[in-house]
Amino acid sequence: MSVYVDSANIPFRNTLMCHMVADSEEELHAMATSLGMERRWHQKPGTHHSHYDIPIAKKAAALRLGAIEVSRRQLALFLRQRRKALSLDAS
């Protein structure tokens, strides 16, 4: 099981943001808590696109804590695979 952060540099207010996803919701929230993120910042809960937007400053900390950096393309592939897996589970 793993947590992933992408290579996005999305402008938001005075900073740049990237996406953080994980193989499970538990891992995602555990990493978010370790980074000082609030649960209310969780986006798209319960969907294949469940994630946190994290500031680039927290990305370095996530990587030190074991997150894996992926490209935006790799993240898109991960989300597509998760969407397929969730649709198979619902069948």
PDB file of N, CA and C in Angstrom:
ATOM      1  N   MET A   1       0.844  -1.179   0.000  1.00  0.00           N
ATOM      2  CA  MET A   1       0.000   0.000   0.000  1.00  0.00           C
ATOM      3  C   MET A   1       0.889   1.242   0.000  1.00  0.00           C
ATOM      4  N   SER A   2       0.419   2.279  -0.701  1.00  0.00           N
ATOM      5  CA  SER A   2       1.266   3.466  -0.868  1.00  0.00           C
ATOM      6  C   SER A   2       0.452   4.743  -0.946  1.00  0.00           C
ATOM      7  N   VAL A   3       1.154   5.843  -0.708  1.00  0.00           N
ATOM      8  CA  VAL A   3       0.632   7.192  -0.893  1.00  0.00           C
ATOM      9  C   VAL A   3       1.434   7.807  -2.032  1.00  0.00           C
ATOM     10  N   TYR A   4       0.759   8.564  -2.885  1.00  0.00           N
ATOM     11  CA  TYR A   4       1.394   9.153  -4.062  1.00  0.00           C
ATOM     12  C   TYR A   4       1.149  10.659  -4.095  1.00  0.00           C
ATOM     13  N   VAL A   5       2.150  11.414  -4.528  1.00  0.00           N
ATOM     14  CA  VAL A   5       1.985  12.842  -4.795  1.00  0.00           C
ATOM     15  C   VAL A   5       2.409  13.079  -6.239  1.00  0.00           C
ATOM     16  N   ASP A   6       1.658  13.924  -6.926  1.00  0.00           N
ATOM     17  CA  ASP A   6       1.975  14.130  -8.338  1.00  0.00           C
ATOM     18  C   ASP A   6       2.902  15.324  -8.544  1.00  0.00           C
ATOM     19  N   SER A   7       3.292  15.508  -9.776  1.00  0.00           N
ATOM     20  CA  SER A   7       4.254  16.554 -10.135  1.00  0.00           C
ATOM     21  C   SER A   7       3.576  17.862 -10.538  1.00  0.00           C
ATOM     22  N   ALA A   8       2.285  17.979 -10.261  1.00  0.00           N
ATOM     23  CA  ALA A   8       1.559  19.198 -10.620  1.00  0.00           C
ATOM     24  C   ALA A   8       2.107  20.391  -9.831  1.00  0.00           C
ATOM     25  N   ASN A   9       2.048  21.537 -10.420  1.00  0.00           N
ATOM     26  CA  ASN A   9       2.379  22.806  -9.766  1.00  0.00           C
ATOM     27  C   ASN A   9       1.238  23.767 -10.076  1.00  0.00           C
ATOM     28  N   ILE A  10       0.115  23.575  -9.396  1.00  0.00           N
ATOM     29  CA  ILE A  10      -1.099  24.326  -9.682  1.00  0.00           C
ATOM     30  C   ILE A  10      -1.131  25.581  -8.817  1.00  0.00           C
ATOM     31  N   PRO A  11      -1.173  26.764  -9.440  1.00  0.00           N
ATOM     32  CA  PRO A  11      -1.224  27.995  -8.651  1.00  0.00           C
ATOM     33  C   PRO A  11      -2.513  28.070  -7.828  1.00  0.00           C
ATOM     34  N   PHE A  12      -2.373  28.420  -6.553  1.00  0.00           N
ATOM     35  CA  PHE A  12      -3.514  28.643  -5.671  1.00  0.00           C
ATOM     36  C   PHE A  12      -3.107  29.706  -4.668  1.00  0.00           C
ATOM     37  N   ARG A  13      -3.768  30.844  -4.730  1.00  0.00           N
ATOM     38  CA  ARG A  13      -3.429  31.987  -3.886  1.00  0.00           C
ATOM     39  C   ARG A  13      -1.943  32.300  -4.019  1.00  0.00           C
ATOM     40  N   ASN A  14      -1.196  32.212  -2.924  1.00  0.00           N
ATOM     41  CA  ASN A  14       0.230  32.582  -2.966  1.00  0.00           C
ATOM     42  C   ASN A  14       1.160  31.385  -3.044  1.00  0.00           C
ATOM     43  N   THR A  15       0.647  30.222  -3.417  1.00  0.00           N
ATOM     44  CA  THR A  15       1.482  29.025  -3.406  1.00  0.00           C
ATOM     45  C   THR A  15       1.187  28.145  -4.612  1.00  0.00           C
ATOM     46  N   LEU A  16       1.891  27.057  -4.697  1.00  0.00           N
ATOM     47  CA  LEU A  16       1.634  26.039  -5.712  1.00  0.00           C
ATOM     48  C   LEU A  16       1.148  24.788  -5.003  1.00  0.00           C
ATOM     49  N   MET A  17       0.252  24.057  -5.639  1.00  0.00           N
ATOM     50  CA  MET A  17      -0.348  22.867  -5.044  1.00  0.00           C
ATOM     51  C   MET A  17      -0.096  21.652  -5.933  1.00  0.00           C
ATOM     52  N   CYS A  18      -0.176  20.478  -5.307  1.00  0.00           N
ATOM     53  CA  CYS A  18      -0.145  19.217  -6.041  1.00  0.00           C
ATOM     54  C   CYS A  18      -1.198  18.298  -5.424  1.00  0.00           C
ATOM     55  N   HIS A  19      -1.385  17.130  -5.995  1.00  0.00           N
ATOM     56  CA  HIS A  19      -2.396  16.185  -5.526  1.00  0.00           C
ATOM     57  C   HIS A  19      -1.746  15.064  -4.731  1.00  0.00           C
ATOM     58  N   MET A  20      -2.455  14.600  -3.702  1.00  0.00           N
ATOM     59  CA  MET A  20      -2.010  13.444  -2.928  1.00  0.00           C
ATOM     60  C   MET A  20      -3.139  12.424  -2.910  1.00  0.00           C
ATOM     61  N   VAL A  21      -2.834  11.204  -3.331  1.00  0.00           N
ATOM     62  CA  VAL A  21      -3.786  10.092  -3.350  1.00  0.00           C
ATOM     63  C   VAL A  21      -3.118   8.896  -2.682  1.00  0.00           C
ATOM     64  N   ALA A  22      -3.899   7.860  -2.436  1.00  0.00           N
ATOM     65  CA  ALA A  22      -3.329   6.661  -1.811  1.00  0.00           C
ATOM     66  C   ALA A  22      -4.111   5.438  -2.247  1.00  0.00           C
ATOM     67  N   ASP A  23      -3.523   4.287  -1.971  1.00  0.00           N
ATOM     68  CA  ASP A  23      -4.178   3.020  -2.288  1.00  0.00           C
ATOM     69  C   ASP A  23      -5.425   2.805  -1.439  1.00  0.00           C
ATOM     70  N   SER A  24      -5.474   3.429  -0.261  1.00  0.00           N
ATOM     71  CA  SER A  24      -6.659   3.294   0.597  1.00  0.00           C
ATOM     72  C   SER A  24      -6.957   4.635   1.257  1.00  0.00           C
ATOM     73  N   GLU A  25      -8.213   4.810   1.643  1.00  0.00           N
ATOM     74  CA  GLU A  25      -8.614   6.026   2.342  1.00  0.00           C
ATOM     75  C   GLU A  25      -7.864   6.146   3.670  1.00  0.00           C
ATOM     76  N   GLU A  26      -7.663   5.014   4.344  1.00  0.00           N
ATOM     77  CA  GLU A  26      -6.977   5.033   5.640  1.00  0.00           C
ATOM     78  C   GLU A  26      -5.564   5.590   5.489  1.00  0.00           C
ATOM     79  N   GLU A  27      -4.849   5.119   4.476  1.00  0.00           N
ATOM     80  CA  GLU A  27      -3.488   5.610   4.232  1.00  0.00           C
ATOM     81  C   GLU A  27      -3.491   7.091   3.862  1.00  0.00           C
ATOM     82  N   LEU A  28      -4.453   7.478   3.050  1.00  0.00           N
ATOM     83  CA  LEU A  28      -4.547   8.872   2.631  1.00  0.00           C
ATOM     84  C   LEU A  28      -4.741   9.775   3.841  1.00  0.00           C
ATOM     85  N   HIS A  29      -5.690   9.422   4.705  1.00  0.00           N
ATOM     86  CA  HIS A  29      -5.964  10.253   5.879  1.00  0.00           C
ATOM     87  C   HIS A  29      -4.816  10.213   6.881  1.00  0.00           C
ATOM     88  N   ALA A  30      -4.167   9.064   7.025  1.00  0.00           N
ATOM     89  CA  ALA A  30      -3.027   8.972   7.947  1.00  0.00           C
ATOM     90  C   ALA A  30      -1.905   9.909   7.495  1.00  0.00           C
ATOM     91  N   MET A  31      -1.610   9.919   6.196  1.00  0.00           N
ATOM     92  CA  MET A  31      -0.567  10.810   5.689  1.00  0.00           C
ATOM     93  C   MET A  31      -0.999  12.265   5.849  1.00  0.00           C
ATOM     94  N   ALA A  32      -2.251  12.556   5.531  1.00  0.00           N
ATOM     95  CA  ALA A  32      -2.745  13.927   5.673  1.00  0.00           C
ATOM     96  C   ALA A  32      -2.609  14.398   7.119  1.00  0.00           C
ATOM     97  N   THR A  33      -2.954  13.542   8.059  1.00  0.00           N
ATOM     98  CA  THR A  33      -2.821  13.887   9.475  1.00  0.00           C
ATOM     99  C   THR A  33      -1.358  14.138   9.825  1.00  0.00           C
ATOM    100  N   SER A  34      -0.468  13.293   9.326  1.00  0.00           N
ATOM    101  CA  SER A  34       0.971  13.464   9.577  1.00  0.00           C
ATOM    102  C   SER A  34       1.488  14.794   9.035  1.00  0.00           C
ATOM    103  N   LEU A  35       0.846  15.286   7.987  1.00  0.00           N
ATOM    104  CA  LEU A  35       1.258  16.551   7.366  1.00  0.00           C
ATOM    105  C   LEU A  35       0.559  17.760   7.977  1.00  0.00           C
ATOM    106  N   GLY A  36      -0.327  17.515   8.958  1.00  0.00           N
ATOM    107  CA  GLY A  36      -1.053  18.613   9.582  1.00  0.00           C
ATOM    108  C   GLY A  36      -2.251  19.090   8.786  1.00  0.00           C
ATOM    109  N   MET A  37      -2.726  18.250   7.870  1.00  0.00           N
ATOM    110  CA  MET A  37      -3.887  18.602   7.052  1.00  0.00           C
ATOM    111  C   MET A  37      -5.164  18.306   7.831  1.00  0.00           C
ATOM    112  N   GLU A  38      -6.193  19.079   7.591  1.00  0.00           N
ATOM    113  CA  GLU A  38      -7.483  18.854   8.231  1.00  0.00           C
ATOM    114  C   GLU A  38      -8.337  17.938   7.368  1.00  0.00           C
ATOM    115  N   ARG A  39      -9.116  17.084   8.002  1.00  0.00           N
ATOM    116  CA  ARG A  39      -9.964  16.128   7.279  1.00  0.00           C
ATOM    117  C   ARG A  39     -10.944  16.858   6.358  1.00  0.00           C
ATOM    118  N   ARG A  40     -11.379  18.033   6.740  1.00  0.00           N
ATOM    119  CA  ARG A  40     -12.358  18.771   5.919  1.00  0.00           C
ATOM    120  C   ARG A  40     -11.774  19.197   4.575  1.00  0.00           C
ATOM    121  N   TRP A  41     -10.458  19.106   4.416  1.00  0.00           N
ATOM    122  CA  TRP A  41      -9.816  19.448   3.146  1.00  0.00           C
ATOM    123  C   TRP A  41      -9.798  18.268   2.177  1.00  0.00           C
ATOM    124  N   HIS A  42     -10.269  17.129   2.622  1.00  0.00           N
ATOM    125  CA  HIS A  42     -10.343  15.934   1.771  1.00  0.00           C
ATOM    126  C   HIS A  42     -11.312  16.223   0.627  1.00  0.00           C
ATOM    127  N   GLN A  43     -10.896  15.945  -0.588  1.00  0.00           N
ATOM    128  CA  GLN A  43     -11.734  16.230  -1.750  1.00  0.00           C
ATOM    129  C   GLN A  43     -12.233  14.942  -2.397  1.00  0.00           C
ATOM    130  N   LYS A  44     -13.466  14.978  -2.823  1.00  0.00           N
ATOM    131  CA  LYS A  44     -14.133  13.869  -3.524  1.00  0.00           C
ATOM    132  C   LYS A  44     -14.094  12.555  -2.737  1.00  0.00           C
ATOM    133  N   PRO A  45     -14.438  12.610  -1.431  1.00  0.00           N
ATOM    134  CA  PRO A  45     -14.413  11.378  -0.621  1.00  0.00           C
ATOM    135  C   PRO A  45     -15.353  10.319  -1.174  1.00  0.00           C
ATOM    136  N   GLY A  46     -14.935   9.070  -1.037  1.00  0.00           N
ATOM    137  CA  GLY A  46     -15.774   7.955  -1.456  1.00  0.00           C
ATOM    138  C   GLY A  46     -15.826   7.724  -2.953  1.00  0.00           C
ATOM    139  N   THR A  47     -14.976   8.415  -3.705  1.00  0.00           N
ATOM    140  CA  THR A  47     -14.947   8.235  -5.160  1.00  0.00           C
ATOM    141  C   THR A  47     -13.556   7.762  -5.585  1.00  0.00           C
ATOM    142  N   HIS A  48     -13.431   7.397  -6.845  1.00  0.00           N
ATOM    143  CA  HIS A  48     -12.117   6.997  -7.355  1.00  0.00           C
ATOM    144  C   HIS A  48     -11.134   8.164  -7.346  1.00  0.00           C
ATOM    145  N   HIS A  49     -11.649   9.376  -7.234  1.00  0.00           N
ATOM    146  CA  HIS A  49     -10.825  10.581  -7.301  1.00  0.00           C
ATOM    147  C   HIS A  49     -10.594  11.205  -5.921  1.00  0.00           C
ATOM    148  N   SER A  50     -10.761  10.420  -4.870  1.00  0.00           N
ATOM    149  CA  SER A  50     -10.526  10.876  -3.503  1.00  0.00           C
ATOM    150  C   SER A  50      -9.082  11.355  -3.375  1.00  0.00           C
ATOM    151  N   HIS A  51      -8.894  12.587  -2.896  1.00  0.00           N
ATOM    152  CA  HIS A  51      -7.541  13.135  -2.801  1.00  0.00           C
ATOM    153  C   HIS A  51      -7.501  14.349  -1.889  1.00  0.00           C
ATOM    154  N   TYR A  52      -6.298  14.783  -1.607  1.00  0.00           N
ATOM    155  CA  TYR A  52      -6.045  16.072  -0.972  1.00  0.00           C
ATOM    156  C   TYR A  52      -5.222  16.891  -1.948  1.00  0.00           C
ATOM    157  N   ASP A  53      -5.500  18.191  -2.001  1.00  0.00           N
ATOM    158  CA  ASP A  53      -4.596  19.126  -2.661  1.00  0.00           C
ATOM    159  C   ASP A  53      -3.638  19.582  -1.570  1.00  0.00           C
ATOM    160  N   ILE A  54      -2.344  19.421  -1.803  1.00  0.00           N
ATOM    161  CA  ILE A  54      -1.380  19.814  -0.775  1.00  0.00           C
ATOM    162  C   ILE A  54      -0.419  20.859  -1.327  1.00  0.00           C
ATOM    163  N   PRO A  55      -0.005  21.797  -0.476  1.00  0.00           N
ATOM    164  CA  PRO A  55       0.979  22.790  -0.912  1.00  0.00           C
ATOM    165  C   PRO A  55       2.319  22.120  -1.210  1.00  0.00           C
ATOM    166  N   ILE A  56       3.038  22.670  -2.151  1.00  0.00           N
ATOM    167  CA  ILE A  56       4.345  22.126  -2.514  1.00  0.00           C
ATOM    168  C   ILE A  56       5.244  22.017  -1.277  1.00  0.00           C
ATOM    169  N   ALA A  57       5.119  22.948  -0.342  1.00  0.00           N
ATOM    170  CA  ALA A  57       5.933  22.893   0.881  1.00  0.00           C
ATOM    171  C   ALA A  57       5.674  21.608   1.668  1.00  0.00           C
ATOM    172  N   LYS A  58       4.448  21.095   1.638  1.00  0.00           N
ATOM    173  CA  LYS A  58       4.130  19.845   2.346  1.00  0.00           C
ATOM    174  C   LYS A  58       4.497  18.613   1.515  1.00  0.00           C
ATOM    175  N   LYS A  59       4.672  18.797   0.220  1.00  0.00           N
ATOM    176  CA  LYS A  59       5.050  17.676  -0.645  1.00  0.00           C
ATOM    177  C   LYS A  59       6.391  17.089  -0.209  1.00  0.00           C
ATOM    178  N   ALA A  60       7.354  17.943   0.094  1.00  0.00           N
ATOM    179  CA  ALA A  60       8.672  17.463   0.532  1.00  0.00           C
ATOM    180  C   ALA A  60       8.537  16.633   1.804  1.00  0.00           C
ATOM    181  N   ALA A  61       7.695  17.083   2.720  1.00  0.00           N
ATOM    182  CA  ALA A  61       7.475  16.323   3.960  1.00  0.00           C
ATOM    183  C   ALA A  61       6.818  14.987   3.656  1.00  0.00           C
ATOM    184  N   ALA A  62       5.852  14.979   2.740  1.00  0.00           N
ATOM    185  CA  ALA A  62       5.182  13.726   2.368  1.00  0.00           C
ATOM    186  C   ALA A  62       6.189  12.736   1.784  1.00  0.00           C
ATOM    187  N   LEU A  63       7.088  13.230   0.955  1.00  0.00           N
ATOM    188  CA  LEU A  63       8.112  12.361   0.364  1.00  0.00           C
ATOM    189  C   LEU A  63       9.040  11.805   1.444  1.00  0.00           C
ATOM    190  N   ARG A  64       9.408  12.641   2.417  1.00  0.00           N
ATOM    191  CA  ARG A  64      10.249  12.161   3.524  1.00  0.00           C
ATOM    192  C   ARG A  64       9.535  11.091   4.338  1.00  0.00           C
ATOM    193  N   LEU A  65       8.204  11.184   4.409  1.00  0.00           N
ATOM    194  CA  LEU A  65       7.408  10.219   5.176  1.00  0.00           C
ATOM    195  C   LEU A  65       7.074   8.963   4.368  1.00  0.00           C
ATOM    196  N   GLY A  66       7.566   8.885   3.131  1.00  0.00           N
ATOM    197  CA  GLY A  66       7.391   7.665   2.356  1.00  0.00           C
ATOM    198  C   GLY A  66       6.470   7.746   1.158  1.00  0.00           C
ATOM    199  N   ALA A  67       5.877   8.912   0.898  1.00  0.00           N
ATOM    200  CA  ALA A  67       5.048   9.053  -0.302  1.00  0.00           C
ATOM    201  C   ALA A  67       5.930   8.878  -1.541  1.00  0.00           C
ATOM    202  N   ILE A  68       5.309   8.480  -2.617  1.00  0.00           N
ATOM    203  CA  ILE A  68       6.001   8.240  -3.883  1.00  0.00           C
ATOM    204  C   ILE A  68       5.596   9.329  -4.871  1.00  0.00           C
ATOM    205  N   GLU A  69       6.587   9.994  -5.466  1.00  0.00           N
ATOM    206  CA  GLU A  69       6.277  11.019  -6.457  1.00  0.00           C
ATOM    207  C   GLU A  69       5.985  10.364  -7.799  1.00  0.00           C
ATOM    208  N   VAL A  70       4.898  10.797  -8.439  1.00  0.00           N
ATOM    209  CA  VAL A  70       4.498  10.282  -9.744  1.00  0.00           C
ATOM    210  C   VAL A  70       4.220  11.459 -10.670  1.00  0.00           C
ATOM    211  N   SER A  71       4.280  11.193 -11.964  1.00  0.00           N
ATOM    212  CA  SER A  71       3.945  12.230 -12.939  1.00  0.00           C
ATOM    213  C   SER A  71       2.427  12.413 -12.969  1.00  0.00           C
ATOM    214  N   ARG A  72       1.994  13.476 -13.598  1.00  0.00           N
ATOM    215  CA  ARG A  72       0.546  13.692 -13.736  1.00  0.00           C
ATOM    216  C   ARG A  72      -0.070  12.574 -14.571  1.00  0.00           C
ATOM    217  N   ARG A  73       0.661  12.109 -15.558  1.00  0.00           N
ATOM    218  CA  ARG A  73       0.181  11.004 -16.399  1.00  0.00           C
ATOM    219  C   ARG A  73       0.039   9.725 -15.571  1.00  0.00           C
ATOM    220  N   GLN A  74       1.023   9.433 -14.728  1.00  0.00           N
ATOM    221  CA  GLN A  74       0.942   8.248 -13.865  1.00  0.00           C
ATOM    222  C   GLN A  74      -0.234   8.361 -12.897  1.00  0.00           C
ATOM    223  N   LEU A  75      -0.467   9.560 -12.381  1.00  0.00           N
ATOM    224  CA  LEU A  75      -1.603   9.753 -11.479  1.00  0.00           C
ATOM    225  C   LEU A  75      -2.915   9.510 -12.217  1.00  0.00           C
ATOM    226  N   ALA A  76      -3.028  10.010 -13.435  1.00  0.00           N
ATOM    227  CA  ALA A  76      -4.247   9.793 -14.221  1.00  0.00           C
ATOM    228  C   ALA A  76      -4.481   8.303 -14.460  1.00  0.00           C
ATOM    229  N   LEU A  77      -3.428   7.563 -14.758  1.00  0.00           N
ATOM    230  CA  LEU A  77      -3.544   6.117 -14.948  1.00  0.00           C
ATOM    231  C   LEU A  77      -3.991   5.436 -13.654  1.00  0.00           C
ATOM    232  N   PHE A  78      -3.403   5.823 -12.536  1.00  0.00           N
ATOM    233  CA  PHE A  78      -3.788   5.286 -11.231  1.00  0.00           C
ATOM    234  C   PHE A  78      -5.282   5.508 -10.977  1.00  0.00           C
ATOM    235  N   LEU A  79      -5.765   6.722 -11.246  1.00  0.00           N
ATOM    236  CA  LEU A  79      -7.177   7.038 -11.007  1.00  0.00           C
ATOM    237  C   LEU A  79      -8.093   6.246 -11.936  1.00  0.00           C
ATOM    238  N   ARG A  80      -7.684   6.056 -13.188  1.00  0.00           N
ATOM    239  CA  ARG A  80      -8.479   5.237 -14.111  1.00  0.00           C
ATOM    240  C   ARG A  80      -8.571   3.801 -13.624  1.00  0.00           C
ATOM    241  N   GLN A  81      -7.452   3.255 -13.173  1.00  0.00           N
ATOM    242  CA  GLN A  81      -7.446   1.881 -12.662  1.00  0.00           C
ATOM    243  C   GLN A  81      -8.312   1.762 -11.417  1.00  0.00           C
ATOM    244  N   ARG A  82      -8.259   2.767 -10.551  1.00  0.00           N
ATOM    245  CA  ARG A  82      -9.080   2.735  -9.336  1.00  0.00           C
ATOM    246  C   ARG A  82     -10.565   2.833  -9.693  1.00  0.00           C
ATOM    247  N   ARG A  83     -10.897   3.660 -10.685  1.00  0.00           N
ATOM    248  CA  ARG A  83     -12.298   3.768 -11.109  1.00  0.00           C
ATOM    249  C   ARG A  83     -12.800   2.422 -11.615  1.00  0.00           C
ATOM    250  N   LYS A  84     -11.986   1.726 -12.413  1.00  0.00           N
ATOM    251  CA  LYS A  84     -12.376   0.400 -12.909  1.00  0.00           C
ATOM    252  C   LYS A  84     -12.555  -0.579 -11.760  1.00  0.00           C
ATOM    253  N   ALA A  85     -11.628  -0.568 -10.813  1.00  0.00           N
ATOM    254  CA  ALA A  85     -11.709  -1.485  -9.668  1.00  0.00           C
ATOM    255  C   ALA A  85     -12.964  -1.217  -8.848  1.00  0.00           C
ATOM    256  N   LEU A  86     -13.292   0.048  -8.636  1.00  0.00           N
ATOM    257  CA  LEU A  86     -14.492   0.377  -7.864  1.00  0.00           C
ATOM    258  C   LEU A  86     -15.755  -0.034  -8.602  1.00  0.00           C
ATOM    259  N   SER A  87     -15.768   0.112  -9.929  1.00  0.00           N
ATOM    260  CA  SER A  87     -16.960  -0.287 -10.688  1.00  0.00           C
ATOM    261  C   SER A  87     -17.109  -1.802 -10.688  1.00  0.00           C
ATOM    262  N   LEU A  88     -16.006  -2.539 -10.678  1.00  0.00           N
ATOM    263  CA  LEU A  88     -16.080  -4.002 -10.594  1.00  0.00           C
ATOM    264  C   LEU A  88     -16.573  -4.446  -9.221  1.00  0.00           C
ATOM    265  N   ASP A  89     -16.144  -3.741  -8.178  1.00  0.00           N
ATOM    266  CA  ASP A  89     -16.597  -4.068  -6.824  1.00  0.00           C
ATOM    267  C   ASP A  89     -18.093  -3.840  -6.666  1.00  0.00           C
ATOM    268  N   ALA A  90     -18.624  -2.851  -7.384  1.00  0.00           N
ATOM    269  CA  ALA A  90     -20.047  -2.526  -7.277  1.00  0.00           C
ATOM    270  C   ALA A  90     -20.918  -3.520  -8.037  1.00  0.00           C
ATOM    271  N   SER A  91     -20.332  -4.283  -8.943  1.00  0.00           N
ATOM    272  CA  SER A  91     -21.097  -5.237  -9.766  1.00  0.00           C
ATOM    273  C   SER A  91     -21.476  -6.470  -8.989  1.00  0.00           C
TER     274      SER A  91
END
